[in-house]
Amino acid sequence: MTLAELAVEVALLGALGLVARRFGISAIPAYLLAGIILGPNDPNFIQLVKPSDVSAFVAEIGLLFLLFFLGLEFSVSRLVRSGRHVFIGGAADLVVNFGLGLLVGVAAFGFSFTAIVVAACIYVSSSAIAVKSLIDLRRLADDETDLVLAILLFEDVVIAAVLGFVATGGGSVATTAGVTAKALLFVGASLAVSRFLGGAIGRLLTRLELEFFLLAVFGFLIGMSAVAKGLDLSEAVGALMAGVVLSESGVREEIEQRFFAMRDVFAALFFFSFALTIDVGKTGNVGWMVLVALVVTLVGKLGTGILTGRLGGFSARQGLNAGAALVVHGEFTIIIAQLAAGNAALTLAQRNDVAAFAGIYVLVTATVGVVLMKESKKLGRLLLPTPAVD
């Protein structure tokens, strides 16, 4: 990737991001579309940019920032406050949607590790798009939003183990069990540090001048990622846990303020770089998967919202609103596919199919999901005419 290619890339990302905002949808599909248009794969539109060591490095930094910021939103105290919504809603979401996703994966790839990767892609919703849409639609104060955030929080916990498994699993049972055990221990240790040492870390950071504060936070992020890599886990797990540790530090808001712009720039480049690997010419291989996955996602997420909403004391309409917020898929689905692309347990053909599936699936669900969120209350009044509180 040359400087000229990077300039064209950034300009197009900015333009498409503005168009996406104009229509009230997430910019993630726009960034993926930019990579497909400019990338080297079929269909041959322009082919101005090719994957390179530079694009791979930029994408890796973007991945780390995405997960670091997600970790900052997590805290042990928040997990406790969310109470039964986390465990009832999260467990139901995992069983129903991972199970439905596994059916799609088995239908496409048989009983294999690749089927589990597909199930994970379908299971996990996009925290970034869901929360941003809730803010834009002014629904943060709605009662059922607590259920949405609780389920997303549960998914954040599960995803730490999933990322490690996807990146290095698929081998022998003993190897896979070992990787999963290390991931759980790493997550548990990070949660303990966050709970008992987070305040001390925050006080230390507040004593630093701004320049050294930024260097310390960035160094901690990279260091945790390196530790995870050294434990044969994914760097993504380390980045997520770096955010978790600092979530209880008392300087979370300052970290978010200082690094927010950097996160958005590198995240845009991450999605673009991933899209460079998507060969839309292979849509014929995965088109039916995307269609089936969309159907099971709508059924699974909406059904989970209504079911867990009723169990949590909400009306059916409120449950529908919650389920609609979970339909959107984005950063995690792409991250899982990206990590799977580096796993030797998948053949080259399987990696290409998973990448194409994940990219197109995110394009579809991120668009359909946001529209569904906007119209969920109208849909609830139409489908559930029984008087209920919205």
Protein backbone atom coordinates (compact mmCIF):
# COMPACT_ATOMS: atom_id res chain seq x y z
CA MET A 1 0.00 0.00 0.00
CA THR A 2 1.52 3.30 -1.10
CA LEU A 3 0.85 6.78 0.32
CA ALA A 4 -1.23 7.53 -2.77
CA GLU A 5 -3.34 4.41 -2.18
CA LEU A 6 -3.74 5.36 1.48
CA ALA A 7 -4.87 8.86 0.51
CA VAL A 8 -7.51 7.48 -1.88
CA GLU A 9 -8.61 4.99 0.75
CA VAL A 10 -9.05 7.59 3.51
CA ALA A 11 -10.89 9.98 1.18
CA LEU A 12 -13.33 7.29 0.07
CA LEU A 13 -13.88 6.10 3.65
CA GLY A 14 -14.71 9.64 4.71
CA ALA A 15 -17.11 10.18 1.81
CA LEU A 16 -18.95 6.89 2.29
CA GLY A 17 -19.07 7.43 6.06
CA LEU A 18 -20.80 10.78 5.52
CA VAL A 19 -23.30 9.16 3.14
CA ALA A 20 -24.04 6.43 5.71
CA ARG A 21 -24.60 9.04 8.42
CA ARG A 22 -26.88 10.98 6.10
CA PHE A 23 -29.14 7.92 5.82
CA GLY A 24 -28.91 7.18 9.54
CA ILE A 25 -27.08 3.84 9.28
CA SER A 26 -23.78 2.59 10.65
CA ALA A 27 -20.62 3.49 8.77
CA ILE A 28 -19.30 -0.08 9.05
CA PRO A 29 -21.15 -1.33 5.93
CA ALA A 30 -19.82 1.73 4.09
CA TYR A 31 -16.24 0.89 5.04
CA LEU A 32 -16.71 -2.71 3.91
CA LEU A 33 -18.20 -1.53 0.64
CA ALA A 34 -15.18 0.73 0.08
CA GLY A 35 -12.82 -2.23 0.48
CA ILE A 36 -14.86 -4.34 -1.90
CA ILE A 37 -14.92 -1.59 -4.52
CA LEU A 38 -11.20 -0.76 -4.35
CA GLY A 39 -9.89 -4.24 -3.53
CA PRO A 40 -8.18 -6.78 -5.79
CA ASN A 41 -10.94 -9.40 -5.77
CA ASP A 42 -13.90 -9.98 -8.06
CA PRO A 43 -15.93 -8.18 -9.18
CA ASN A 44 -13.30 -6.01 -10.86
CA PHE A 45 -14.40 -2.45 -10.25
CA ILE A 46 -11.31 -0.32 -9.83
CA GLN A 47 -8.66 -2.35 -7.97
CA LEU A 48 -6.73 0.63 -6.60
CA VAL A 49 -5.58 -1.02 -3.36
CA LYS A 50 -4.05 -4.41 -2.63
CA PRO A 51 -3.46 -6.05 0.77
CA SER A 52 0.07 -5.45 2.05
CA ASP A 53 2.13 -5.53 5.24
CA VAL A 54 1.12 -1.92 5.83
CA SER A 55 -2.61 -2.62 5.55
CA ALA A 56 -2.22 -5.71 7.75
CA PHE A 57 -0.41 -3.68 10.46
CA VAL A 58 -2.97 -0.87 10.34
CA ALA A 59 -5.79 -3.40 10.55
CA GLU A 60 -4.20 -5.02 13.59
CA ILE A 61 -3.96 -1.68 15.41
CA GLY A 62 -7.60 -0.99 14.53
CA LEU A 63 -8.62 -4.39 15.90
CA LEU A 64 -6.81 -3.73 19.18
CA PHE A 65 -8.43 -0.32 19.62
CA LEU A 66 -11.92 -1.68 18.92
CA LEU A 67 -11.63 -4.34 21.59
CA PHE A 68 -9.84 -2.03 24.04
CA PHE A 69 -12.75 0.42 23.92
CA LEU A 70 -15.25 -2.38 24.30
CA GLY A 71 -13.40 -3.56 27.40
CA LEU A 72 -13.53 -0.04 28.84
CA GLU A 73 -17.34 -0.28 28.82
CA PHE A 74 -17.23 -3.46 30.89
CA SER A 75 -16.83 -3.62 34.66
CA VAL A 76 -17.39 -6.16 37.39
CA SER A 77 -19.64 -3.72 39.27
CA ARG A 78 -21.75 -3.19 36.17
CA LEU A 79 -22.02 -6.96 35.76
CA VAL A 80 -23.32 -7.26 39.33
CA ARG A 81 -25.75 -4.34 38.89
CA SER A 82 -27.26 -5.90 35.78
CA GLY A 83 -28.27 -8.88 37.91
CA ARG A 84 -30.64 -11.44 36.48
CA HIS A 85 -30.89 -9.73 33.10
CA VAL A 86 -27.27 -10.66 32.40
CA PHE A 87 -27.58 -14.31 33.27
CA ILE A 88 -31.11 -15.05 32.09
CA GLY A 89 -30.97 -12.90 28.97
CA GLY A 90 -27.36 -13.71 28.17
CA ALA A 91 -27.74 -17.46 28.65
CA ALA A 92 -30.89 -17.57 26.52
CA ASP A 93 -29.21 -15.50 23.81
CA LEU A 94 -26.19 -17.82 23.79
CA VAL A 95 -28.19 -21.06 23.67
CA VAL A 96 -30.71 -19.91 21.06
CA ASN A 97 -28.54 -17.89 18.68
CA PHE A 98 -25.34 -19.89 18.90
CA GLY A 99 -27.45 -23.01 18.44
CA LEU A 100 -29.21 -21.61 15.37
CA GLY A 101 -25.89 -20.40 14.01
CA LEU A 102 -24.40 -23.85 14.48
CA LEU A 103 -27.20 -25.33 12.38
CA VAL A 104 -26.26 -22.96 9.56
CA GLY A 105 -22.58 -23.78 9.97
CA VAL A 106 -23.16 -27.53 9.94
CA ALA A 107 -25.39 -27.25 6.88
CA ALA A 108 -22.58 -25.39 5.06
CA PHE A 109 -19.44 -27.14 6.33
CA GLY A 110 -20.58 -30.29 8.11
CA PHE A 111 -19.57 -31.12 11.68
CA SER A 112 -16.31 -29.17 11.71
CA PHE A 113 -14.40 -26.36 13.36
CA THR A 114 -15.51 -24.06 10.52
CA ALA A 115 -19.14 -24.65 11.51
CA ILE A 116 -18.33 -23.38 15.01
CA VAL A 117 -16.72 -20.25 13.52
CA VAL A 118 -19.88 -19.55 11.51
CA ALA A 119 -22.01 -20.09 14.63
CA ALA A 120 -19.91 -17.56 16.54
CA CYS A 121 -20.26 -15.03 13.69
CA ILE A 122 -24.05 -15.38 13.80
CA TYR A 123 -24.32 -15.42 17.60
CA VAL A 124 -22.57 -12.19 18.55
CA SER A 125 -24.33 -8.86 18.00
CA SER A 126 -22.58 -5.55 17.39
CA SER A 127 -22.22 -3.64 20.65
CA ALA A 128 -20.91 -0.58 18.81
CA ILE A 129 -23.79 -0.30 16.33
CA ALA A 130 -26.48 -1.27 18.84
CA VAL A 131 -25.41 1.27 21.47
CA LYS A 132 -24.86 4.02 18.87
CA SER A 133 -28.34 3.38 17.45
CA LEU A 134 -29.92 3.44 20.92
CA ILE A 135 -28.32 6.84 21.47
CA ASP A 136 -29.41 8.18 18.08
CA LEU A 137 -32.97 6.92 18.59
CA ARG A 138 -33.01 8.36 22.14
CA ARG A 139 -33.84 5.02 23.72
CA LEU A 140 -31.18 4.86 26.42
CA ALA A 141 -33.81 5.82 29.00
CA ASP A 142 -36.24 3.07 27.92
CA ASP A 143 -36.71 0.34 30.51
CA GLU A 144 -35.95 -2.49 28.07
CA THR A 145 -32.59 -0.94 27.20
CA ASP A 146 -31.28 -2.41 30.45
CA LEU A 147 -32.01 -5.86 29.00
CA VAL A 148 -30.22 -5.01 25.74
CA LEU A 149 -27.12 -3.78 27.54
CA ALA A 150 -27.15 -6.79 29.86
CA ILE A 151 -27.21 -9.24 26.94
CA LEU A 152 -24.45 -7.32 25.16
CA LEU A 153 -22.42 -7.42 28.37
CA PHE A 154 -22.86 -11.20 28.60
CA GLU A 155 -21.72 -11.50 24.98
CA ASP A 156 -18.63 -9.44 25.82
CA VAL A 157 -17.67 -11.99 28.49
CA VAL A 158 -18.29 -14.98 26.22
CA ILE A 159 -16.45 -13.42 23.30
CA ALA A 160 -13.14 -13.35 25.18
CA ALA A 161 -13.05 -17.15 25.23
CA VAL A 162 -14.48 -17.35 21.70
CA LEU A 163 -11.71 -15.16 20.25
CA GLY A 164 -9.00 -17.35 21.75
CA PHE A 165 -10.73 -20.49 20.51
CA VAL A 166 -11.28 -19.20 16.97
CA ALA A 167 -7.70 -17.99 16.63
CA THR A 168 -5.98 -21.14 17.87
CA GLY A 169 -8.63 -23.87 18.22
CA GLY A 170 -9.60 -26.59 15.84
CA GLY A 171 -6.73 -28.92 16.73
CA SER A 172 -6.80 -31.88 19.07
CA VAL A 173 -9.21 -31.94 21.97
CA ALA A 174 -6.33 -31.53 24.41
CA THR A 175 -4.92 -28.53 22.54
CA THR A 176 -8.29 -26.82 22.24
CA ALA A 177 -9.07 -27.46 25.91
CA GLY A 178 -5.69 -26.04 26.88
CA VAL A 179 -6.24 -22.86 24.87
CA THR A 180 -9.73 -22.41 26.34
CA ALA A 181 -8.42 -22.94 29.88
CA LYS A 182 -5.67 -20.35 29.38
CA ALA A 183 -8.19 -17.90 27.98
CA LEU A 184 -10.48 -18.34 30.98
CA LEU A 185 -7.57 -17.95 33.42
CA PHE A 186 -6.36 -14.83 31.62
CA VAL A 187 -9.85 -13.33 31.67
CA GLY A 188 -10.31 -14.24 35.34
CA ALA A 189 -6.98 -12.69 36.33
CA SER A 190 -7.81 -9.52 34.40
CA LEU A 191 -11.18 -9.24 36.13
CA ALA A 192 -9.48 -9.65 39.52
CA VAL A 193 -6.91 -6.95 38.73
CA SER A 194 -9.70 -4.66 37.52
CA ARG A 195 -11.71 -5.20 40.68
CA PHE A 196 -8.96 -4.93 43.29
CA LEU A 197 -6.18 -2.89 41.65
CA GLY A 198 -8.10 -0.73 39.17
CA GLY A 199 -8.28 2.23 41.55
CA ALA A 200 -4.54 2.13 42.32
CA ILE A 201 -3.72 2.00 38.59
CA GLY A 202 -6.00 4.99 38.00
CA ARG A 203 -4.31 7.04 40.75
CA LEU A 204 -0.94 6.29 39.22
CA LEU A 205 -2.09 7.39 35.78
CA THR A 206 -3.57 10.65 37.06
CA ARG A 207 -0.15 11.71 38.36
CA LEU A 208 1.35 11.59 34.87
CA GLU A 209 1.57 14.50 32.49
CA LEU A 210 -0.63 14.17 29.41
CA GLU A 211 2.16 12.98 27.11
CA PHE A 212 3.22 10.22 29.50
CA PHE A 213 -0.40 9.41 30.33
CA LEU A 214 -1.05 8.67 26.65
CA LEU A 215 2.14 6.65 26.32
CA ALA A 216 1.34 4.65 29.47
CA VAL A 217 -2.19 3.75 28.32
CA PHE A 218 -1.08 2.87 24.80
CA GLY A 219 1.85 0.86 26.16
CA PHE A 220 -0.47 -1.02 28.51
CA LEU A 221 -2.77 -1.88 25.61
CA ILE A 222 0.09 -3.18 23.48
CA GLY A 223 1.67 -4.96 26.45
CA MET A 224 -1.51 -6.84 27.37
CA SER A 225 -1.91 -7.84 23.73
CA ALA A 226 1.68 -9.12 23.70
CA VAL A 227 1.10 -11.12 26.89
CA ALA A 228 -1.97 -12.75 25.36
CA LYS A 229 0.03 -13.57 22.23
CA GLY A 230 2.77 -15.07 24.39
CA LEU A 231 0.16 -17.34 26.01
CA ASP A 232 -0.87 -18.58 22.53
CA LEU A 233 -4.09 -16.58 22.75
CA SER A 234 -5.28 -13.93 20.35
CA GLU A 235 -3.94 -10.38 20.72
CA ALA A 236 -7.62 -9.39 20.59
CA VAL A 237 -8.21 -11.06 23.96
CA GLY A 238 -5.35 -9.07 25.46
CA ALA A 239 -6.72 -5.80 24.09
CA LEU A 240 -10.18 -6.55 25.44
CA MET A 241 -8.81 -7.35 28.89
CA ALA A 242 -6.63 -4.22 28.86
CA GLY A 243 -9.83 -2.22 28.56
CA VAL A 244 -11.49 -4.27 31.29
CA VAL A 245 -8.61 -3.62 33.71
CA LEU A 246 -8.79 0.15 33.11
CA SER A 247 -12.60 0.24 33.25
CA GLU A 248 -12.47 0.46 37.06
CA SER A 249 -9.52 2.86 37.16
CA GLY A 250 -11.47 6.10 37.51
CA VAL A 251 -9.85 7.54 34.38
CA ARG A 252 -12.01 5.68 31.87
CA GLU A 253 -13.70 8.82 30.60
CA GLU A 254 -10.39 10.60 30.05
CA ILE A 255 -8.98 7.61 28.20
CA GLU A 256 -12.03 7.49 25.95
CA GLN A 257 -11.82 11.21 25.29
CA ARG A 258 -8.11 11.14 24.44
CA PHE A 259 -8.17 8.03 22.25
CA PHE A 260 -11.64 8.23 20.71
CA ALA A 261 -10.55 9.83 17.42
CA MET A 262 -7.62 7.43 17.06
CA ARG A 263 -9.94 4.47 17.60
CA ASP A 264 -12.36 5.61 14.91
CA VAL A 265 -9.62 6.21 12.32
CA PHE A 266 -7.92 2.87 12.85
CA ALA A 267 -11.24 1.02 13.13
CA ALA A 268 -12.30 2.38 9.73
CA LEU A 269 -9.02 1.17 8.26
CA PHE A 270 -9.52 -2.22 9.92
CA PHE A 271 -12.90 -2.78 8.28
CA PHE A 272 -11.56 -1.54 4.96
CA SER A 273 -8.52 -3.85 5.14
CA PHE A 274 -10.73 -6.82 5.95
CA ALA A 275 -12.96 -6.02 2.97
CA LEU A 276 -9.91 -6.22 0.71
CA THR A 277 -9.98 -9.98 1.31
CA ILE A 278 -13.67 -10.37 0.40
CA ASP A 279 -14.17 -11.89 -3.02
CA VAL A 280 -17.73 -11.00 -3.96
CA GLY A 281 -17.31 -13.30 -6.95
CA LYS A 282 -17.73 -16.13 -4.44
CA THR A 283 -21.17 -14.88 -3.40
CA GLY A 284 -22.68 -17.82 -5.23
CA ASN A 285 -21.00 -20.10 -2.68
CA VAL A 286 -22.26 -18.27 0.38
CA GLY A 287 -25.35 -16.37 -0.82
CA TRP A 288 -27.71 -19.03 0.50
CA MET A 289 -25.81 -19.00 3.83
CA VAL A 290 -26.32 -15.26 4.18
CA LEU A 291 -30.04 -15.56 3.42
CA VAL A 292 -30.56 -18.42 5.89
CA ALA A 293 -28.40 -16.69 8.51
CA LEU A 294 -30.47 -13.51 8.17
CA VAL A 295 -33.68 -15.46 8.74
CA VAL A 296 -32.38 -17.33 11.78
CA THR A 297 -30.93 -14.08 13.15
CA LEU A 298 -34.30 -12.33 12.92
CA VAL A 299 -36.09 -15.29 14.48
CA GLY A 300 -33.44 -15.91 17.14
CA LYS A 301 -32.75 -12.35 18.27
CA LEU A 302 -36.38 -11.17 18.20
CA GLY A 303 -37.52 -14.37 19.88
CA THR A 304 -34.83 -14.08 22.54
CA GLY A 305 -35.81 -10.47 23.21
CA ILE A 306 -39.48 -11.31 23.67
CA LEU A 307 -38.82 -14.42 25.77
CA THR A 308 -36.24 -12.91 28.10
CA GLY A 309 -38.22 -9.69 28.25
CA ARG A 310 -41.23 -11.54 29.57
CA LEU A 311 -39.06 -13.44 32.07
CA GLY A 312 -37.56 -10.13 33.18
CA GLY A 313 -40.91 -8.48 33.75
CA PHE A 314 -41.19 -6.52 30.49
CA SER A 315 -44.09 -6.52 28.05
CA ALA A 316 -43.97 -8.39 24.75
CA ARG A 317 -43.59 -5.09 22.91
CA GLN A 318 -40.66 -4.09 25.07
CA GLY A 319 -39.12 -7.51 24.45
CA LEU A 320 -39.54 -6.98 20.72
CA ASN A 321 -37.76 -3.62 20.99
CA ALA A 322 -34.90 -5.30 22.84
CA GLY A 323 -34.64 -8.12 20.31
CA ALA A 324 -34.60 -5.66 17.42
CA ALA A 325 -31.56 -3.94 18.93
CA LEU A 326 -29.66 -7.25 18.86
CA VAL A 327 -30.14 -7.99 15.15
CA VAL A 328 -27.26 -5.74 14.07
CA HIS A 329 -23.93 -7.48 13.53
CA GLY A 330 -20.64 -5.75 12.91
CA GLU A 331 -17.22 -5.54 14.49
CA PHE A 332 -17.15 -8.90 16.29
CA THR A 333 -18.39 -10.89 13.30
CA ILE A 334 -15.61 -9.34 11.20
CA ILE A 335 -13.03 -9.89 13.95
CA ILE A 336 -13.97 -13.57 14.27
CA ALA A 337 -13.68 -14.05 10.51
CA GLN A 338 -10.36 -12.19 10.49
CA LEU A 339 -8.93 -14.40 13.22
CA ALA A 340 -10.24 -17.54 11.54
CA ALA A 341 -8.40 -16.52 8.37
CA GLY A 342 -5.11 -17.06 10.20
CA ASN A 343 -6.05 -20.47 11.63
CA ALA A 344 -4.45 -23.42 9.83
CA ALA A 345 -7.37 -25.62 10.90
CA LEU A 346 -9.38 -24.05 8.05
CA THR A 347 -8.57 -24.75 4.42
CA LEU A 348 -7.95 -21.84 2.06
CA ALA A 349 -11.37 -22.37 0.48
CA GLN A 350 -13.05 -22.34 3.89
CA ARG A 351 -11.23 -19.12 4.88
CA ASN A 352 -12.37 -17.43 1.67
CA ASP A 353 -15.95 -18.60 2.19
CA VAL A 354 -16.02 -17.46 5.84
CA ALA A 355 -14.60 -14.04 4.89
CA ALA A 356 -17.13 -13.59 2.09
CA PHE A 357 -19.98 -14.76 4.33
CA ALA A 358 -18.99 -12.48 7.24
CA GLY A 359 -18.59 -9.41 5.05
CA ILE A 360 -21.90 -9.77 3.22
CA TYR A 361 -23.73 -10.86 6.38
CA VAL A 362 -22.57 -7.72 8.20
CA LEU A 363 -23.55 -5.54 5.25
CA VAL A 364 -27.06 -7.00 5.37
CA THR A 365 -27.68 -7.24 9.12
CA ALA A 366 -26.17 -3.84 9.95
CA THR A 367 -28.56 -2.24 7.49
CA VAL A 368 -31.65 -4.33 8.21
CA GLY A 369 -31.02 -4.21 11.96
CA VAL A 370 -30.85 -0.42 12.17
CA VAL A 371 -34.05 -0.06 10.11
CA LEU A 372 -35.74 -2.63 12.33
CA MET A 373 -34.70 -0.73 15.44
CA LYS A 374 -36.23 2.46 14.05
CA GLU A 375 -39.51 0.75 13.27
CA SER A 376 -39.71 -1.74 16.15
CA LYS A 377 -42.29 0.22 18.15
CA LYS A 378 -44.55 0.57 15.12
CA LEU A 379 -44.03 -3.10 14.38
CA GLY A 380 -44.89 -3.97 17.97
CA ARG A 381 -48.18 -2.08 17.79
CA LEU A 382 -48.98 -3.85 14.53
CA LEU A 383 -48.05 -7.39 15.57
CA LEU A 384 -48.85 -7.16 19.27
CA PRO A 385 -52.06 -5.13 19.53
CA THR A 386 -52.64 -6.11 23.15
CA PRO A 387 -52.26 -2.98 25.26
CA ALA A 388 -48.74 -2.79 26.63
CA VAL A 389 -46.29 -0.19 27.82
CA ASP A 390 -43.64 0.76 25.25
